[in-house]
Amino acid sequence: MEIKTQRINDIGIIYFAGKTLGDPADSKVFEGCLNDLIDQHVNKIILDLGKVERINSTGLAILITASTLFSDSGGKKVVLTGSNDFISGALAVTKLNQFFDCYDELNDAIASLENILCE
């Protein structure tokens, strides 16, 4: 899994690309990327799953970790974008779709977060 980050003002974006999100090595790389963005004082995070084919239970745990770590560090909002039918189905079955706002397009996610004021 390839994991990259980008920052746009107070929004951090973590891009995932690969066949399956959830290899144990993904967790460590992801946490490092998330902590780097937290250190840069981003207030909102977008997890872009647009280039991920599948997600397993470890991948779902990565999403939960993102929300928990970010919230514990004072972050305001974590949203998802680009989920395909398989990932959307996994989120629905596990009811995680109730905890994350999900957007089809990255630009929609960015626009929604730009309207959230953070101190």
PDB file of N, CA and C in Angstrom:
ATOM      1  N   MET A   1       0.842  -1.168   0.000  1.00  0.00           N
ATOM      2  CA  MET A   1       0.000   0.000   0.000  1.00  0.00           C
ATOM      3  C   MET A   1       0.891   1.237   0.000  1.00  0.00           C
ATOM      4  N   GLU A   2       0.569   2.153  -0.855  1.00  0.00           N
ATOM      5  CA  GLU A   2       1.276   3.434  -0.892  1.00  0.00           C
ATOM      6  C   GLU A   2       0.437   4.452  -0.127  1.00  0.00           C
ATOM      7  N   ILE A   3       1.075   5.184   0.770  1.00  0.00           N
ATOM      8  CA  ILE A   3       0.385   6.173   1.588  1.00  0.00           C
ATOM      9  C   ILE A   3       1.155   7.488   1.495  1.00  0.00           C
ATOM     10  N   LYS A   4       0.449   8.550   1.077  1.00  0.00           N
ATOM     11  CA  LYS A   4       1.053   9.871   0.931  1.00  0.00           C
ATOM     12  C   LYS A   4       0.187  10.900   1.630  1.00  0.00           C
ATOM     13  N   THR A   5       0.786  12.041   1.946  1.00  0.00           N
ATOM     14  CA  THR A   5       0.029  13.119   2.586  1.00  0.00           C
ATOM     15  C   THR A   5       0.171  14.429   1.825  1.00  0.00           C
ATOM     16  N   GLN A   6      -0.786  15.296   2.086  1.00  0.00           N
ATOM     17  CA  GLN A   6      -0.777  16.646   1.546  1.00  0.00           C
ATOM     18  C   GLN A   6      -1.482  17.534   2.563  1.00  0.00           C
ATOM     19  N   ARG A   7      -1.095  18.783   2.590  1.00  0.00           N
ATOM     20  CA  ARG A   7      -1.751  19.740   3.485  1.00  0.00           C
ATOM     21  C   ARG A   7      -2.268  20.902   2.664  1.00  0.00           C
ATOM     22  N   ILE A   8      -3.538  21.252   2.906  1.00  0.00           N
ATOM     23  CA  ILE A   8      -4.151  22.432   2.293  1.00  0.00           C
ATOM     24  C   ILE A   8      -4.710  23.261   3.438  1.00  0.00           C
ATOM     25  N   ASN A   9      -4.016  24.338   3.768  1.00  0.00           N
ATOM     26  CA  ASN A   9      -4.366  25.185   4.913  1.00  0.00           C
ATOM     27  C   ASN A   9      -4.429  24.325   6.171  1.00  0.00           C
ATOM     28  N   ASP A  10      -5.603  24.241   6.828  1.00  0.00           N
ATOM     29  CA  ASP A  10      -5.698  23.455   8.056  1.00  0.00           C
ATOM     30  C   ASP A  10      -6.293  22.067   7.811  1.00  0.00           C
ATOM     31  N   ILE A  11      -6.278  21.630   6.543  1.00  0.00           N
ATOM     32  CA  ILE A  11      -6.797  20.314   6.172  1.00  0.00           C
ATOM     33  C   ILE A  11      -5.641  19.417   5.760  1.00  0.00           C
ATOM     34  N   GLY A  12      -5.558  18.251   6.376  1.00  0.00           N
ATOM     35  CA  GLY A  12      -4.578  17.251   5.981  1.00  0.00           C
ATOM     36  C   GLY A  12      -5.274  16.179   5.149  1.00  0.00           C
ATOM     37  N   ILE A  13      -4.628  15.761   4.083  1.00  0.00           N
ATOM     38  CA  ILE A  13      -5.185  14.716   3.229  1.00  0.00           C
ATOM     39  C   ILE A  13      -4.212  13.542   3.235  1.00  0.00           C
ATOM     40  N   ILE A  14      -4.731  12.365   3.509  1.00  0.00           N
ATOM     41  CA  ILE A  14      -3.924  11.146   3.436  1.00  0.00           C
ATOM     42  C   ILE A  14      -4.476  10.314   2.295  1.00  0.00           C
ATOM     43  N   TYR A  15      -3.617  10.080   1.300  1.00  0.00           N
ATOM     44  CA  TYR A  15      -3.987   9.314   0.113  1.00  0.00           C
ATOM     45  C   TYR A  15      -3.497   7.878   0.268  1.00  0.00           C
ATOM     46  N   PHE A  16      -4.376   6.945   0.012  1.00  0.00           N
ATOM     47  CA  PHE A  16      -4.029   5.525   0.011  1.00  0.00           C
ATOM     48  C   PHE A  16      -4.131   5.017  -1.418  1.00  0.00           C
ATOM     49  N   ALA A  17      -3.190   4.161  -1.842  1.00  0.00           N
ATOM     50  CA  ALA A  17      -3.252   3.565  -3.177  1.00  0.00           C
ATOM     51  C   ALA A  17      -2.732   2.141  -3.092  1.00  0.00           C
ATOM     52  N   GLY A  18      -3.532   1.203  -3.585  1.00  0.00           N
ATOM     53  CA  GLY A  18      -3.112  -0.190  -3.586  1.00  0.00           C
ATOM     54  C   GLY A  18      -4.309  -1.118  -3.630  1.00  0.00           C
ATOM     55  N   LYS A  19      -4.014  -2.387  -3.637  1.00  0.00           N
ATOM     56  CA  LYS A  19      -5.066  -3.394  -3.764  1.00  0.00           C
ATOM     57  C   LYS A  19      -5.930  -3.496  -2.507  1.00  0.00           C
ATOM     58  N   THR A  20      -5.307  -3.698  -1.338  1.00  0.00           N
ATOM     59  CA  THR A  20      -6.067  -3.890  -0.104  1.00  0.00           C
ATOM     60  C   THR A  20      -5.477  -3.049   1.019  1.00  0.00           C
ATOM     61  N   LEU A  21      -6.319  -2.232   1.627  1.00  0.00           N
ATOM     62  CA  LEU A  21      -5.914  -1.477   2.803  1.00  0.00           C
ATOM     63  C   LEU A  21      -6.091  -2.386   4.006  1.00  0.00           C
ATOM     64  N   GLY A  22      -4.992  -2.651   4.709  1.00  0.00           N
ATOM     65  CA  GLY A  22      -5.107  -3.452   5.907  1.00  0.00           C
ATOM     66  C   GLY A  22      -3.923  -4.345   6.196  1.00  0.00           C
ATOM     67  N   ASP A  23      -2.876  -4.246   5.428  1.00  0.00           N
ATOM     68  CA  ASP A  23      -1.660  -4.977   5.760  1.00  0.00           C
ATOM     69  C   ASP A  23      -1.134  -4.393   7.075  1.00  0.00           C
ATOM     70  N   PRO A  24      -0.630  -5.228   7.986  1.00  0.00           N
ATOM     71  CA  PRO A  24      -0.125  -4.688   9.260  1.00  0.00           C
ATOM     72  C   PRO A  24       0.903  -3.563   9.091  1.00  0.00           C
ATOM     73  N   ALA A  25       1.696  -3.623   8.045  1.00  0.00           N
ATOM     74  CA  ALA A  25       2.673  -2.554   7.808  1.00  0.00           C
ATOM     75  C   ALA A  25       1.980  -1.234   7.494  1.00  0.00           C
ATOM     76  N   ASP A  26       0.764  -1.301   6.925  1.00  0.00           N
ATOM     77  CA  ASP A  26       0.018  -0.081   6.607  1.00  0.00           C
ATOM     78  C   ASP A  26      -0.264   0.735   7.863  1.00  0.00           C
ATOM     79  N   SER A  27      -0.550   0.049   8.963  1.00  0.00           N
ATOM     80  CA  SER A  27      -0.883   0.737  10.215  1.00  0.00           C
ATOM     81  C   SER A  27       0.249   1.638  10.676  1.00  0.00           C
ATOM     82  N   LYS A  28       1.464   1.120  10.659  1.00  0.00           N
ATOM     83  CA  LYS A  28       2.611   1.908  11.129  1.00  0.00           C
ATOM     84  C   LYS A  28       2.879   3.096  10.216  1.00  0.00           C
ATOM     85  N   VAL A  29       2.835   2.870   8.902  1.00  0.00           N
ATOM     86  CA  VAL A  29       3.067   3.965   7.956  1.00  0.00           C
ATOM     87  C   VAL A  29       1.981   5.020   8.111  1.00  0.00           C
ATOM     88  N   PHE A  30       0.734   4.555   8.198  1.00  0.00           N
ATOM     89  CA  PHE A  30      -0.379   5.472   8.347  1.00  0.00           C
ATOM     90  C   PHE A  30      -0.260   6.303   9.623  1.00  0.00           C
ATOM     91  N   GLU A  31       0.016   5.657  10.742  1.00  0.00           N
ATOM     92  CA  GLU A  31       0.141   6.399  12.002  1.00  0.00           C
ATOM     93  C   GLU A  31       1.250   7.431  11.929  1.00  0.00           C
ATOM     94  N   GLY A  32       2.354   7.102  11.259  1.00  0.00           N
ATOM     95  CA  GLY A  32       3.429   8.073  11.068  1.00  0.00           C
ATOM     96  C   GLY A  32       2.960   9.272  10.261  1.00  0.00           C
ATOM     97  N   CYS A  33       2.219   9.017   9.184  1.00  0.00           N
ATOM     98  CA  CYS A  33       1.689  10.110   8.354  1.00  0.00           C
ATOM     99  C   CYS A  33       0.707  10.965   9.144  1.00  0.00           C
ATOM    100  N   LEU A  34      -0.171  10.312   9.890  1.00  0.00           N
ATOM    101  CA  LEU A  34      -1.161  11.034  10.684  1.00  0.00           C
ATOM    102  C   LEU A  34      -0.478  11.892  11.749  1.00  0.00           C
ATOM    103  N   ASN A  35       0.500  11.325  12.433  1.00  0.00           N
ATOM    104  CA  ASN A  35       1.219  12.096  13.458  1.00  0.00           C
ATOM    105  C   ASN A  35       1.966  13.272  12.863  1.00  0.00           C
ATOM    106  N   ASP A  36       2.520  13.108  11.644  1.00  0.00           N
ATOM    107  CA  ASP A  36       3.182  14.239  10.976  1.00  0.00           C
ATOM    108  C   ASP A  36       2.190  15.376  10.731  1.00  0.00           C
ATOM    109  N   LEU A  37       0.977  15.023  10.280  1.00  0.00           N
ATOM    110  CA  LEU A  37      -0.033  16.058  10.044  1.00  0.00           C
ATOM    111  C   LEU A  37      -0.491  16.699  11.356  1.00  0.00           C
ATOM    112  N   ILE A  38      -0.628  15.889  12.394  1.00  0.00           N
ATOM    113  CA  ILE A  38      -0.994  16.428  13.708  1.00  0.00           C
ATOM    114  C   ILE A  38       0.077  17.415  14.184  1.00  0.00           C
ATOM    115  N   ASP A  39       1.344  17.065  13.985  1.00  0.00           N
ATOM    116  CA  ASP A  39       2.451  17.951  14.366  1.00  0.00           C
ATOM    117  C   ASP A  39       2.425  19.260  13.585  1.00  0.00           C
ATOM    118  N   GLN A  40       1.816  19.232  12.391  1.00  0.00           N
ATOM    119  CA  GLN A  40       1.690  20.440  11.570  1.00  0.00           C
ATOM    120  C   GLN A  40       0.431  21.238  11.927  1.00  0.00           C
ATOM    121  N   HIS A  41      -0.266  20.800  12.959  1.00  0.00           N
ATOM    122  CA  HIS A  41      -1.441  21.490  13.501  1.00  0.00           C
ATOM    123  C   HIS A  41      -2.609  21.559  12.526  1.00  0.00           C
ATOM    124  N   VAL A  42      -2.816  20.491  11.746  1.00  0.00           N
ATOM    125  CA  VAL A  42      -4.030  20.452  10.930  1.00  0.00           C
ATOM    126  C   VAL A  42      -5.211  20.181  11.858  1.00  0.00           C
ATOM    127  N   ASN A  43      -6.365  20.721  11.522  1.00  0.00           N
ATOM    128  CA  ASN A  43      -7.561  20.569  12.343  1.00  0.00           C
ATOM    129  C   ASN A  43      -8.556  19.580  11.761  1.00  0.00           C
ATOM    130  N   LYS A  44      -8.367  19.234  10.478  1.00  0.00           N
ATOM    131  CA  LYS A  44      -9.309  18.362   9.786  1.00  0.00           C
ATOM    132  C   LYS A  44      -8.516  17.408   8.894  1.00  0.00           C
ATOM    133  N   ILE A  45      -9.045  16.183   8.742  1.00  0.00           N
ATOM    134  CA  ILE A  45      -8.350  15.170   7.955  1.00  0.00           C
ATOM    135  C   ILE A  45      -9.305  14.556   6.938  1.00  0.00           C
ATOM    136  N   ILE A  46      -8.802  14.375   5.729  1.00  0.00           N
ATOM    137  CA  ILE A  46      -9.505  13.617   4.692  1.00  0.00           C
ATOM    138  C   ILE A  46      -8.707  12.351   4.432  1.00  0.00           C
ATOM    139  N   LEU A  47      -9.369  11.215   4.495  1.00  0.00           N
ATOM    140  CA  LEU A  47      -8.757   9.942   4.116  1.00  0.00           C
ATOM    141  C   LEU A  47      -9.277   9.599   2.730  1.00  0.00           C
ATOM    142  N   ASP A  48      -8.399   9.694   1.735  1.00  0.00           N
ATOM    143  CA  ASP A  48      -8.781   9.467   0.339  1.00  0.00           C
ATOM    144  C   ASP A  48      -8.555   7.994  -0.016  1.00  0.00           C
ATOM    145  N   LEU A  49      -9.649   7.273  -0.212  1.00  0.00           N
ATOM    146  CA  LEU A  49      -9.607   5.844  -0.526  1.00  0.00           C
ATOM    147  C   LEU A  49      -9.878   5.583  -1.999  1.00  0.00           C
ATOM    148  N   GLY A  50      -9.786   6.604  -2.822  1.00  0.00           N
ATOM    149  CA  GLY A  50     -10.128   6.512  -4.232  1.00  0.00           C
ATOM    150  C   GLY A  50      -9.292   5.538  -5.049  1.00  0.00           C
ATOM    151  N   LYS A  51      -8.107   5.207  -4.571  1.00  0.00           N
ATOM    152  CA  LYS A  51      -7.238   4.285  -5.313  1.00  0.00           C
ATOM    153  C   LYS A  51      -7.010   2.993  -4.532  1.00  0.00           C
ATOM    154  N   VAL A  52      -7.989   2.625  -3.699  1.00  0.00           N
ATOM    155  CA  VAL A  52      -7.935   1.379  -2.937  1.00  0.00           C
ATOM    156  C   VAL A  52      -9.048   0.475  -3.456  1.00  0.00           C
ATOM    157  N   GLU A  53      -8.714  -0.780  -3.761  1.00  0.00           N
ATOM    158  CA  GLU A  53      -9.710  -1.713  -4.275  1.00  0.00           C
ATOM    159  C   GLU A  53     -10.548  -2.332  -3.164  1.00  0.00           C
ATOM    160  N   ARG A  54      -9.888  -2.728  -2.072  1.00  0.00           N
ATOM    161  CA  ARG A  54     -10.561  -3.455  -0.998  1.00  0.00           C
ATOM    162  C   ARG A  54     -10.056  -2.983   0.355  1.00  0.00           C
ATOM    163  N   ILE A  55     -10.808  -3.354   1.389  1.00  0.00           N
ATOM    164  CA  ILE A  55     -10.399  -3.060   2.753  1.00  0.00           C
ATOM    165  C   ILE A  55     -10.708  -4.297   3.594  1.00  0.00           C
ATOM    166  N   ASN A  56      -9.816  -4.607   4.531  1.00  0.00           N
ATOM    167  CA  ASN A  56     -10.073  -5.742   5.422  1.00  0.00           C
ATOM    168  C   ASN A  56     -10.267  -5.218   6.842  1.00  0.00           C
ATOM    169  N   SER A  57     -10.360  -6.129   7.805  1.00  0.00           N
ATOM    170  CA  SER A  57     -10.626  -5.705   9.188  1.00  0.00           C
ATOM    171  C   SER A  57      -9.514  -4.820   9.742  1.00  0.00           C
ATOM    172  N   THR A  58      -8.277  -5.097   9.361  1.00  0.00           N
ATOM    173  CA  THR A  58      -7.177  -4.242   9.812  1.00  0.00           C
ATOM    174  C   THR A  58      -7.308  -2.854   9.193  1.00  0.00           C
ATOM    175  N   GLY A  59      -7.729  -2.784   7.955  1.00  0.00           N
ATOM    176  CA  GLY A  59      -7.963  -1.499   7.300  1.00  0.00           C
ATOM    177  C   GLY A  59      -9.065  -0.712   7.981  1.00  0.00           C
ATOM    178  N   LEU A  60     -10.129  -1.405   8.384  1.00  0.00           N
ATOM    179  CA  LEU A  60     -11.200  -0.734   9.125  1.00  0.00           C
ATOM    180  C   LEU A  60     -10.673  -0.216  10.465  1.00  0.00           C
ATOM    181  N   ALA A  61      -9.808  -1.002  11.090  1.00  0.00           N
ATOM    182  CA  ALA A  61      -9.189  -0.559  12.349  1.00  0.00           C
ATOM    183  C   ALA A  61      -8.328   0.679  12.121  1.00  0.00           C
ATOM    184  N   ILE A  62      -7.674   0.771  10.980  1.00  0.00           N
ATOM    185  CA  ILE A  62      -6.878   1.956  10.648  1.00  0.00           C
ATOM    186  C   ILE A  62      -7.775   3.194  10.624  1.00  0.00           C
ATOM    187  N   LEU A  63      -8.971   3.068  10.051  1.00  0.00           N
ATOM    188  CA  LEU A  63      -9.894   4.202  10.000  1.00  0.00           C
ATOM    189  C   LEU A  63     -10.327   4.618  11.410  1.00  0.00           C
ATOM    190  N   ILE A  64     -10.601   3.633  12.253  1.00  0.00           N
ATOM    191  CA  ILE A  64     -10.984   3.922  13.634  1.00  0.00           C
ATOM    192  C   ILE A  64      -9.825   4.595  14.369  1.00  0.00           C
ATOM    193  N   THR A  65      -8.615   4.078  14.154  1.00  0.00           N
ATOM    194  CA  THR A  65      -7.426   4.666  14.763  1.00  0.00           C
ATOM    195  C   THR A  65      -7.276   6.122  14.351  1.00  0.00           C
ATOM    196  N   ALA A  66      -7.521   6.406  13.079  1.00  0.00           N
ATOM    197  CA  ALA A  66      -7.413   7.779  12.584  1.00  0.00           C
ATOM    198  C   ALA A  66      -8.325   8.696  13.375  1.00  0.00           C
ATOM    199  N   SER A  67      -9.565   8.271  13.522  1.00  0.00           N
ATOM    200  CA  SER A  67     -10.531   9.090  14.228  1.00  0.00           C
ATOM    201  C   SER A  67     -10.140   9.274  15.690  1.00  0.00           C
ATOM    202  N   THR A  68      -9.726   8.204  16.343  1.00  0.00           N
ATOM    203  CA  THR A  68      -9.367   8.256  17.766  1.00  0.00           C
ATOM    204  C   THR A  68      -8.122   9.109  18.000  1.00  0.00           C
ATOM    205  N   LEU A  69      -7.054   8.824  17.256  1.00  0.00           N
ATOM    206  CA  LEU A  69      -5.812   9.587  17.436  1.00  0.00           C
ATOM    207  C   LEU A  69      -6.024  11.067  17.152  1.00  0.00           C
ATOM    208  N   PHE A  70      -6.752  11.330  16.097  1.00  0.00           N
ATOM    209  CA  PHE A  70      -6.954  12.715  15.697  1.00  0.00           C
ATOM    210  C   PHE A  70      -7.804  13.450  16.735  1.00  0.00           C
ATOM    211  N   SER A  71      -8.853  12.824  17.195  1.00  0.00           N
ATOM    212  CA  SER A  71      -9.707  13.430  18.211  1.00  0.00           C
ATOM    213  C   SER A  71      -8.938  13.659  19.512  1.00  0.00           C
ATOM    214  N   ASP A  72      -8.151  12.670  19.920  1.00  0.00           N
ATOM    215  CA  ASP A  72      -7.369  12.784  21.151  1.00  0.00           C
ATOM    216  C   ASP A  72      -6.340  13.914  21.080  1.00  0.00           C
ATOM    217  N   SER A  73      -5.918  14.267  19.859  1.00  0.00           N
ATOM    218  CA  SER A  73      -4.920  15.326  19.714  1.00  0.00           C
ATOM    219  C   SER A  73      -5.563  16.697  19.513  1.00  0.00           C
ATOM    220  N   GLY A  74      -6.887  16.757  19.596  1.00  0.00           N
ATOM    221  CA  GLY A  74      -7.577  18.039  19.452  1.00  0.00           C
ATOM    222  C   GLY A  74      -8.110  18.308  18.070  1.00  0.00           C
ATOM    223  N   GLY A  75      -7.996  17.350  17.161  1.00  0.00           N
ATOM    224  CA  GLY A  75      -8.524  17.510  15.808  1.00  0.00           C
ATOM    225  C   GLY A  75     -10.039  17.593  15.813  1.00  0.00           C
ATOM    226  N   LYS A  76     -10.586  18.203  14.792  1.00  0.00           N
ATOM    227  CA  LYS A  76     -12.025  18.465  14.761  1.00  0.00           C
ATOM    228  C   LYS A  76     -12.822  17.468  13.925  1.00  0.00           C
ATOM    229  N   LYS A  77     -12.298  16.996  12.795  1.00  0.00           N
ATOM    230  CA  LYS A  77     -13.138  16.211  11.892  1.00  0.00           C
ATOM    231  C   LYS A  77     -12.280  15.317  11.003  1.00  0.00           C
ATOM    232  N   VAL A  78     -12.723  14.066  10.829  1.00  0.00           N
ATOM    233  CA  VAL A  78     -12.120  13.124   9.883  1.00  0.00           C
ATOM    234  C   VAL A  78     -13.221  12.690   8.924  1.00  0.00           C
ATOM    235  N   VAL A  79     -12.975  12.830   7.629  1.00  0.00           N
ATOM    236  CA  VAL A  79     -13.944  12.397   6.620  1.00  0.00           C
ATOM    237  C   VAL A  79     -13.262  11.463   5.629  1.00  0.00           C
ATOM    238  N   LEU A  80     -14.094  10.712   4.912  1.00  0.00           N
ATOM    239  CA  LEU A  80     -13.597   9.778   3.898  1.00  0.00           C
ATOM    240  C   LEU A  80     -14.039  10.246   2.525  1.00  0.00           C
ATOM    241  N   THR A  81     -13.234   9.922   1.527  1.00  0.00           N
ATOM    242  CA  THR A  81     -13.620  10.209   0.154  1.00  0.00           C
ATOM    243  C   THR A  81     -13.149   9.082  -0.756  1.00  0.00           C
ATOM    244  N   GLY A  82     -13.879   8.913  -1.862  1.00  0.00           N
ATOM    245  CA  GLY A  82     -13.460   7.984  -2.905  1.00  0.00           C
ATOM    246  C   GLY A  82     -13.744   6.519  -2.642  1.00  0.00           C
ATOM    247  N   SER A  83     -14.578   6.193  -1.670  1.00  0.00           N
ATOM    248  CA  SER A  83     -14.859   4.789  -1.371  1.00  0.00           C
ATOM    249  C   SER A  83     -15.616   4.140  -2.533  1.00  0.00           C
ATOM    250  N   ASN A  84     -15.128   2.991  -2.975  1.00  0.00           N
ATOM    251  CA  ASN A  84     -15.842   2.242  -4.004  1.00  0.00           C
ATOM    252  C   ASN A  84     -16.963   1.427  -3.357  1.00  0.00           C
ATOM    253  N   ASP A  85     -17.685   0.643  -4.152  1.00  0.00           N
ATOM    254  CA  ASP A  85     -18.814  -0.131  -3.622  1.00  0.00           C
ATOM    255  C   ASP A  85     -18.381  -1.135  -2.558  1.00  0.00           C
ATOM    256  N   PHE A  86     -17.223  -1.773  -2.739  1.00  0.00           N
ATOM    257  CA  PHE A  86     -16.756  -2.756  -1.766  1.00  0.00           C
ATOM    258  C   PHE A  86     -16.485  -2.088  -0.423  1.00  0.00           C
ATOM    259  N   ILE A  87     -15.753  -0.979  -0.454  1.00  0.00           N
ATOM    260  CA  ILE A  87     -15.406  -0.275   0.785  1.00  0.00           C
ATOM    261  C   ILE A  87     -16.658   0.310   1.432  1.00  0.00           C
ATOM    262  N   SER A  88     -17.539   0.895   0.630  1.00  0.00           N
ATOM    263  CA  SER A  88     -18.789   1.439   1.170  1.00  0.00           C
ATOM    264  C   SER A  88     -19.617   0.343   1.834  1.00  0.00           C
ATOM    265  N   GLY A  89     -19.629  -0.839   1.219  1.00  0.00           N
ATOM    266  CA  GLY A  89     -20.344  -1.969   1.795  1.00  0.00           C
ATOM    267  C   GLY A  89     -19.750  -2.403   3.120  1.00  0.00           C
ATOM    268  N   ALA A  90     -18.426  -2.453   3.202  1.00  0.00           N
ATOM    269  CA  ALA A  90     -17.759  -2.824   4.452  1.00  0.00           C
ATOM    270  C   ALA A  90     -18.056  -1.798   5.541  1.00  0.00           C
ATOM    271  N   LEU A  91     -18.069  -0.536   5.185  1.00  0.00           N
ATOM    272  CA  LEU A  91     -18.391   0.512   6.152  1.00  0.00           C
ATOM    273  C   LEU A  91     -19.836   0.392   6.631  1.00  0.00           C
ATOM    274  N   ALA A  92     -20.744   0.045   5.721  1.00  0.00           N
ATOM    275  CA  ALA A  92     -22.153  -0.097   6.083  1.00  0.00           C
ATOM    276  C   ALA A  92     -22.380  -1.311   6.984  1.00  0.00           C
ATOM    277  N   VAL A  93     -21.781  -2.445   6.640  1.00  0.00           N
ATOM    278  CA  VAL A  93     -21.955  -3.668   7.430  1.00  0.00           C
ATOM    279  C   VAL A  93     -21.447  -3.476   8.857  1.00  0.00           C
ATOM    280  N   THR A  94     -20.337  -2.788   8.995  1.00  0.00           N
ATOM    281  CA  THR A  94     -19.749  -2.563  10.327  1.00  0.00           C
ATOM    282  C   THR A  94     -20.316  -1.321  11.013  1.00  0.00           C
ATOM    283  N   LYS A  95     -21.198  -0.614  10.313  1.00  0.00           N
ATOM    284  CA  LYS A  95     -21.834   0.609  10.810  1.00  0.00           C
ATOM    285  C   LYS A  95     -20.846   1.759  11.014  1.00  0.00           C
ATOM    286  N   LEU A  96     -19.654   1.642  10.448  1.00  0.00           N
ATOM    287  CA  LEU A  96     -18.687   2.738  10.540  1.00  0.00           C
ATOM    288  C   LEU A  96     -19.109   3.938   9.698  1.00  0.00           C
ATOM    289  N   ASN A  97     -19.997   3.700   8.733  1.00  0.00           N
ATOM    290  CA  ASN A  97     -20.479   4.818   7.920  1.00  0.00           C
ATOM    291  C   ASN A  97     -21.275   5.819   8.744  1.00  0.00           C
ATOM    292  N   GLN A  98     -21.676   5.419   9.968  1.00  0.00           N
ATOM    293  CA  GLN A  98     -22.370   6.341  10.870  1.00  0.00           C
ATOM    294  C   GLN A  98     -21.404   7.289  11.584  1.00  0.00           C
ATOM    295  N   PHE A  99     -20.110   6.953  11.568  1.00  0.00           N
ATOM    296  CA  PHE A  99     -19.117   7.747  12.278  1.00  0.00           C
ATOM    297  C   PHE A  99     -18.297   8.654  11.368  1.00  0.00           C
ATOM    298  N   PHE A 100     -18.360   8.394  10.073  1.00  0.00           N
ATOM    299  CA  PHE A 100     -17.583   9.183   9.115  1.00  0.00           C
ATOM    300  C   PHE A 100     -18.507   9.797   8.076  1.00  0.00           C
ATOM    301  N   ASP A 101     -18.306  11.078   7.776  1.00  0.00           N
ATOM    302  CA  ASP A 101     -18.943  11.654   6.605  1.00  0.00           C
ATOM    303  C   ASP A 101     -18.181  11.125   5.402  1.00  0.00           C
ATOM    304  N   CYS A 102     -18.906  10.685   4.382  1.00  0.00           N
ATOM    305  CA  CYS A 102     -18.281  10.102   3.195  1.00  0.00           C
ATOM    306  C   CYS A 102     -18.653  10.929   1.973  1.00  0.00           C
ATOM    307  N   TYR A 103     -17.665  11.223   1.152  1.00  0.00           N
ATOM    308  CA  TYR A 103     -17.867  12.011  -0.057  1.00  0.00           C
ATOM    309  C   TYR A 103     -17.355  11.236  -1.255  1.00  0.00           C
ATOM    310  N   ASP A 104     -18.038  11.403  -2.380  1.00  0.00           N
ATOM    311  CA  ASP A 104     -17.609  10.726  -3.602  1.00  0.00           C
ATOM    312  C   ASP A 104     -16.338  11.352  -4.170  1.00  0.00           C
ATOM    313  N   GLU A 105     -16.256  12.668  -4.087  1.00  0.00           N
ATOM    314  CA  GLU A 105     -15.158  13.411  -4.704  1.00  0.00           C
ATOM    315  C   GLU A 105     -14.331  14.155  -3.655  1.00  0.00           C
ATOM    316  N   LEU A 106     -13.030  14.198  -3.869  1.00  0.00           N
ATOM    317  CA  LEU A 106     -12.120  14.899  -2.968  1.00  0.00           C
ATOM    318  C   LEU A 106     -12.488  16.370  -2.840  1.00  0.00           C
ATOM    319  N   ASN A 107     -12.824  17.012  -3.950  1.00  0.00           N
ATOM    320  CA  ASN A 107     -13.161  18.442  -3.898  1.00  0.00           C
ATOM    321  C   ASN A 107     -14.384  18.709  -3.024  1.00  0.00           C
ATOM    322  N   ASP A 108     -15.346  17.787  -3.028  1.00  0.00           N
ATOM    323  CA  ASP A 108     -16.523  17.940  -2.168  1.00  0.00           C
ATOM    324  C   ASP A 108     -16.127  17.839  -0.692  1.00  0.00           C
ATOM    325  N   ALA A 109     -15.226  16.918  -0.385  1.00  0.00           N
ATOM    326  CA  ALA A 109     -14.755  16.761   0.993  1.00  0.00           C
ATOM    327  C   ALA A 109     -14.009  18.008   1.451  1.00  0.00           C
ATOM    328  N   ILE A 110     -13.153  18.521   0.587  1.00  0.00           N
ATOM    329  CA  ILE A 110     -12.402  19.742   0.913  1.00  0.00           C
ATOM    330  C   ILE A 110     -13.363  20.899   1.165  1.00  0.00           C
ATOM    331  N   ALA A 111     -14.336  21.063   0.274  1.00  0.00           N
ATOM    332  CA  ALA A 111     -15.300  22.169   0.407  1.00  0.00           C
ATOM    333  C   ALA A 111     -16.082  22.060   1.711  1.00  0.00           C
ATOM    334  N   SER A 112     -16.471  20.841   2.088  1.00  0.00           N
ATOM    335  CA  SER A 112     -17.243  20.673   3.326  1.00  0.00           C
ATOM    336  C   SER A 112     -16.398  21.040   4.541  1.00  0.00           C
ATOM    337  N   LEU A 113     -15.116  20.697   4.509  1.00  0.00           N
ATOM    338  CA  LEU A 113     -14.250  20.977   5.657  1.00  0.00           C
ATOM    339  C   LEU A 113     -13.834  22.442   5.727  1.00  0.00           C
ATOM    340  N   GLU A 114     -13.762  23.096   4.595  1.00  0.00           N
ATOM    341  CA  GLU A 114     -13.386  24.514   4.607  1.00  0.00           C
ATOM    342  C   GLU A 114     -14.435  25.350   5.334  1.00  0.00           C
ATOM    343  N   ASN A 115     -15.665  24.833   5.404  1.00  0.00           N
ATOM    344  CA  ASN A 115     -16.756  25.573   6.056  1.00  0.00           C
ATOM    345  C   ASN A 115     -16.798  25.338   7.572  1.00  0.00           C
ATOM    346  N   ILE A 116     -15.948  24.435   8.080  1.00  0.00           N
ATOM    347  CA  ILE A 116     -15.922  24.164   9.511  1.00  0.00           C
ATOM    348  C   ILE A 116     -14.865  25.058  10.144  1.00  0.00           C
ATOM    349  N   LEU A 117     -15.296  25.888  11.067  1.00  0.00           N
ATOM    350  CA  LEU A 117     -14.365  26.789  11.741  1.00  0.00           C
ATOM    351  C   LEU A 117     -13.703  26.063  12.900  1.00  0.00           C
ATOM    352  N   CYS A 118     -12.413  26.201  13.003  1.00  0.00           N
ATOM    353  CA  CYS A 118     -11.669  25.596  14.109  1.00  0.00           C
ATOM    354  C   CYS A 118     -10.834  26.677  14.775  1.00  0.00           C
ATOM    355  N   GLU A 119     -10.746  26.579  16.077  1.00  0.00           N
ATOM    356  CA  GLU A 119      -9.952  27.568  16.814  1.00  0.00           C
ATOM    357  C   GLU A 119      -8.497  27.249  16.752  1.00  0.00           C
TER     358      GLU A 119
END
